[in-house]
Every structure is written in structure tokens, then in C-alpha cells.
Amino acid sequence: MQLDELHRLWMDYLLFSSSQQARGPPNTQSKLFSDLVQRCLSTVPSRLEVPFNSAEFWSCYTFHNKVVTLYLSCLPQSQHALVLERLRYAMPNNTELGLRLLRQEWQDGNMEQLKFQARMLSSNSPKCLANWNIAIAVEEELKERSEVTAASPSSPLSVPLFPLQRLLFEAAEGGQTDRLTRLVDRCRQVGVSLSE
């Protein structure tokens, strides 16, 4: 079976099952639908071969993210963060799902949990620039130096990102001259051009 046919078949079945869930007893139907979603997410392949080279693979979670959207639409808002966290652990390489979890934690006002989840996502997806920006913003919101500072030199994107972002945050907050001077020195030290 072609992958797009498999996607269409699963999505039709999930839509049918979600409409049945609305009619049946809440607990029984909810559990059955949850199990069905889990079965779908675990059986539909996300690892695809690169065309003309069967030795290389790439991950595509587009279909999986559509299933997650459908699943969340059947659940109350209060359960979204828990479900997204559980699904992210099942699909740790799904960066879009990780960012969605961060957004949900922010909407729920869970800043400490947002900080923790951003740290987890940065270890799984170190090249995700959006996550580094979120991690830095959370650090600033919590007014503390977290592991972002310690981890930033090891990230391939962080050399130009972190010191410059930190400098801009400090300047916007009306930072002290000695702190700004240290940050400018740090930018020069890691090779970030401040001429722009």
C-alpha cells in the first residue's frame, strides 16, 4: 500500500471513530479512541527513504502531527499539555510536536515546565533555532541564568545566537555598563561581529 493511501485510510477511520466517541459513554469511548490514536501513531512510518538512495533515511512527522491535532480536538483543553508531553516522549525527534508542547506550556503559564521542556527539546534537536530563542526568552522571564548559558557554546547555532541575544536583552532592560561590557567582550571572544 502506498503511504498516502495508508494516511488517507487511517485519517478516515480516526474521523469516523472520533464521531462515534461523541455518541458513546465518555470513559469507554475515550479509552478506545486513545488506544486507536496510539496504534495509528506507532504503526504509520515516519522514517522514509531518500529517493534513489535506499541507504539514507529522513523523518517526516506531517501525518503524525495531523493525527495529534485531531486527537487534541477531542480532548478538553486542560489535558492538552499532558497528552502532548506523553506523545513527545513517544516521538522525541518530532521537533514540531516539541514546539507545540512549549506553546501549550506557555499558554498554561507553566514557566518552570516550559524551561524544562525547552531544555529537553534542545538536547533532542540542537539545531532548532526557535527552541533556542524560546529557552533564552524563558531564562529572561524567570530572571535567572539557566543551563542555556552553559549549553550554548556546544550548540552549532549558539555561537552567534546566545551572546548577541543576551546583549540585546540586557540593553533593552537598561543593563549596567560593566555587564554590557562583559557581554561585548564575550561576543568578540566567540567571534560574533557586532558591527551590524
Protein backbone atom coordinates (compact mmCIF):
# COMPACT_ATOMS: atom_id res chain seq x y z
CA MET A 1 0.00 0.00 0.00
CA GLN A 2 1.25 3.47 -0.86
CA LEU A 3 1.94 5.74 2.08
CA ASP A 4 -0.58 8.40 1.04
CA GLU A 5 -3.29 5.71 0.80
CA LEU A 6 -2.37 4.49 4.27
CA HIS A 7 -2.58 8.06 5.59
CA ARG A 8 -5.99 8.58 3.99
CA LEU A 9 -7.30 5.25 5.32
CA TRP A 10 -6.13 5.97 8.89
CA MET A 11 -7.43 9.53 8.85
CA ASP A 12 -10.87 8.43 7.60
CA TYR A 13 -11.03 5.76 10.28
CA LEU A 14 -9.94 8.18 13.00
CA LEU A 15 -12.53 10.75 11.92
CA PHE A 16 -15.22 8.06 11.95
CA SER A 17 -14.08 6.84 15.39
CA SER A 18 -13.99 10.36 16.82
CA SER A 19 -17.59 10.92 15.70
CA GLN A 20 -18.56 7.62 17.40
CA GLN A 21 -16.75 8.73 20.55
CA ALA A 22 -19.04 11.74 20.84
CA ARG A 23 -22.12 9.46 20.86
CA GLY A 24 -20.99 6.75 23.30
CA PRO A 25 -20.31 6.62 27.04
CA PRO A 26 -17.45 9.06 27.76
CA ASN A 27 -14.91 6.85 29.54
CA THR A 28 -15.21 3.74 27.37
CA GLN A 29 -15.20 5.55 24.03
CA SER A 30 -12.42 7.90 25.14
CA LYS A 31 -10.15 4.99 26.08
CA LEU A 32 -10.88 3.17 22.81
CA PHE A 33 -10.16 6.29 20.76
CA SER A 34 -6.95 6.98 22.70
CA ASP A 35 -5.75 3.42 22.05
CA LEU A 36 -6.63 3.77 18.38
CA VAL A 37 -4.64 7.01 18.10
CA GLN A 38 -1.65 5.37 19.79
CA ARG A 39 -1.87 2.41 17.40
CA CYS A 40 -2.00 4.78 14.43
CA LEU A 41 0.97 6.86 15.59
CA SER A 42 3.09 3.80 16.31
CA THR A 43 2.34 1.86 13.11
CA VAL A 44 2.45 4.55 10.43
CA PRO A 45 6.07 5.00 9.38
CA SER A 46 7.72 8.36 9.93
CA ARG A 47 11.12 7.26 8.68
CA LEU A 48 11.19 7.48 4.89
CA GLU A 49 13.85 6.54 2.37
CA VAL A 50 15.63 9.28 0.49
CA PRO A 51 14.68 8.90 -3.20
CA PHE A 52 17.24 6.95 -5.25
CA ASN A 53 19.29 6.08 -2.16
CA SER A 54 17.83 3.31 0.00
CA ALA A 55 20.73 3.58 2.47
CA GLU A 56 19.66 7.02 3.74
CA PHE A 57 16.51 8.00 5.60
CA TRP A 58 14.73 11.14 6.74
CA SER A 59 11.93 11.64 9.25
CA CYS A 60 8.59 13.15 8.27
CA TYR A 61 6.02 13.71 11.01
CA THR A 62 3.49 15.68 8.96
CA PHE A 63 0.82 12.97 9.13
CA HIS A 64 1.54 12.25 12.79
CA ASN A 65 1.07 15.93 13.65
CA LYS A 66 -2.30 15.94 11.85
CA VAL A 67 -3.36 12.95 13.94
CA VAL A 68 -2.24 14.75 17.11
CA THR A 69 -4.32 17.79 16.10
CA LEU A 70 -7.38 15.60 15.58
CA TYR A 71 -6.80 13.83 18.90
CA LEU A 72 -6.43 17.10 20.83
CA SER A 73 -9.63 18.44 19.27
CA CYS A 74 -11.47 15.59 21.03
CA LEU A 75 -9.97 16.37 24.45
CA PRO A 76 -10.60 19.18 26.94
CA GLN A 77 -8.01 21.98 26.94
CA SER A 78 -6.86 21.03 30.44
CA GLN A 79 -5.48 17.71 29.16
CA HIS A 80 -3.54 19.06 26.18
CA ALA A 81 -0.20 19.63 27.92
CA LEU A 82 -0.19 16.15 29.48
CA VAL A 83 -1.09 14.46 26.20
CA LEU A 84 1.47 16.48 24.24
CA GLU A 85 4.17 15.61 26.75
CA ARG A 86 3.33 11.91 26.58
CA LEU A 87 3.33 11.98 22.77
CA ARG A 88 6.62 13.90 22.66
CA TYR A 89 8.29 11.17 24.68
CA ALA A 90 6.95 8.65 22.15
CA MET A 91 8.30 10.75 19.24
CA PRO A 92 11.39 12.56 20.58
CA ASN A 93 12.61 13.58 17.10
CA ASN A 94 9.34 15.32 16.24
CA THR A 95 10.50 18.92 16.60
CA GLU A 96 7.15 20.42 15.62
CA LEU A 97 5.44 18.44 18.37
CA GLY A 98 8.08 19.62 20.84
CA LEU A 99 7.47 23.25 19.88
CA ARG A 100 3.74 22.68 20.18
CA LEU A 101 4.26 21.38 23.72
CA LEU A 102 6.31 24.50 24.55
CA ARG A 103 3.50 26.69 23.24
CA GLN A 104 0.94 24.81 25.34
CA GLU A 105 3.07 25.14 28.48
CA TRP A 106 3.39 28.87 27.81
CA GLN A 107 -0.37 29.24 27.31
CA ASP A 108 -0.97 27.36 30.57
CA GLY A 109 1.51 29.66 32.37
CA ASN A 110 3.83 26.82 33.45
CA MET A 111 7.13 28.67 33.12
CA GLU A 112 9.22 26.14 35.06
CA GLN A 113 7.78 23.29 33.00
CA LEU A 114 8.37 25.35 29.84
CA LYS A 115 12.01 25.81 30.87
CA PHE A 116 12.39 22.07 31.46
CA GLN A 117 10.72 21.10 28.17
CA ALA A 118 12.83 23.64 26.22
CA ARG A 119 15.95 22.07 27.73
CA MET A 120 14.72 18.60 26.71
CA LEU A 121 13.97 19.75 23.17
CA SER A 122 17.38 21.38 22.81
CA SER A 123 19.05 18.06 23.63
CA ASN A 124 16.96 16.22 21.00
CA SER A 125 17.01 18.97 18.37
CA PRO A 126 20.10 21.14 18.97
CA LYS A 127 19.77 22.88 15.59
CA CYS A 128 16.24 24.16 16.23
CA LEU A 129 16.69 27.92 16.34
CA ALA A 130 13.11 28.53 17.53
CA ASN A 131 13.74 26.41 20.61
CA TRP A 132 16.93 28.33 21.48
CA ASN A 133 15.02 31.61 21.21
CA ILE A 134 12.29 30.22 23.49
CA ALA A 135 14.86 28.94 26.01
CA ILE A 136 16.56 32.34 26.13
CA ALA A 137 13.21 34.14 26.49
CA VAL A 138 12.19 31.82 29.35
CA GLU A 139 15.50 32.43 31.06
CA GLU A 140 14.92 36.16 30.81
CA GLU A 141 11.34 35.80 32.03
CA LEU A 142 12.50 33.85 35.07
CA LYS A 143 15.37 36.35 35.59
CA GLU A 144 18.00 33.68 36.07
CA ARG A 145 20.94 32.06 34.38
CA SER A 146 19.96 28.55 33.44
CA GLU A 147 21.61 25.75 31.52
CA VAL A 148 21.08 27.74 28.32
CA THR A 149 24.16 29.74 29.23
CA ALA A 150 26.19 26.63 29.91
CA ALA A 151 24.88 24.68 26.92
CA SER A 152 25.05 27.45 24.36
CA PRO A 153 28.73 27.08 23.37
CA SER A 154 28.11 23.43 22.44
CA SER A 155 25.24 24.25 20.11
CA PRO A 156 26.15 24.81 16.46
CA LEU A 157 23.76 27.75 16.23
CA SER A 158 24.50 29.28 19.58
CA VAL A 159 27.86 30.90 18.91
CA PRO A 160 26.26 33.78 17.03
CA LEU A 161 22.92 33.47 18.79
CA PHE A 162 23.33 33.44 22.53
CA PRO A 163 25.80 36.24 23.34
CA LEU A 164 24.13 38.60 20.88
CA GLN A 165 20.63 37.77 22.16
CA ARG A 166 21.81 38.20 25.73
CA LEU A 167 23.39 41.55 24.85
CA LEU A 168 20.17 42.75 23.24
CA PHE A 169 18.13 41.63 26.27
CA GLU A 170 20.47 43.39 28.68
CA ALA A 171 20.43 46.59 26.60
CA ALA A 172 16.62 46.52 26.41
CA GLU A 173 16.41 46.05 30.19
CA GLY A 174 18.71 49.04 30.75
CA GLY A 175 21.62 46.84 31.78
CA GLN A 176 24.57 48.10 33.76
CA THR A 177 27.62 49.29 31.83
CA ASP A 178 30.00 46.71 33.29
CA ARG A 179 27.63 43.85 32.41
CA LEU A 180 27.21 45.15 28.85
CA THR A 181 30.99 45.48 28.52
CA ARG A 182 31.46 41.86 29.63
CA LEU A 183 28.85 40.71 27.10
CA VAL A 184 30.51 42.68 24.29
CA ASP A 185 33.83 41.08 25.23
CA ARG A 186 32.15 37.64 25.22
CA CYS A 187 30.70 38.30 21.76
CA ARG A 188 34.14 39.21 20.44
CA GLN A 189 35.65 36.18 22.17
CA VAL A 190 33.32 33.73 20.37
CA GLY A 191 33.68 35.56 17.04
CA VAL A 192 30.37 37.39 16.81
CA SER A 193 30.56 40.55 14.74
CA LEU A 194 28.83 43.49 16.40
CA SER A 195 29.42 45.90 13.51
CA GLU A 196 25.94 45.30 12.10
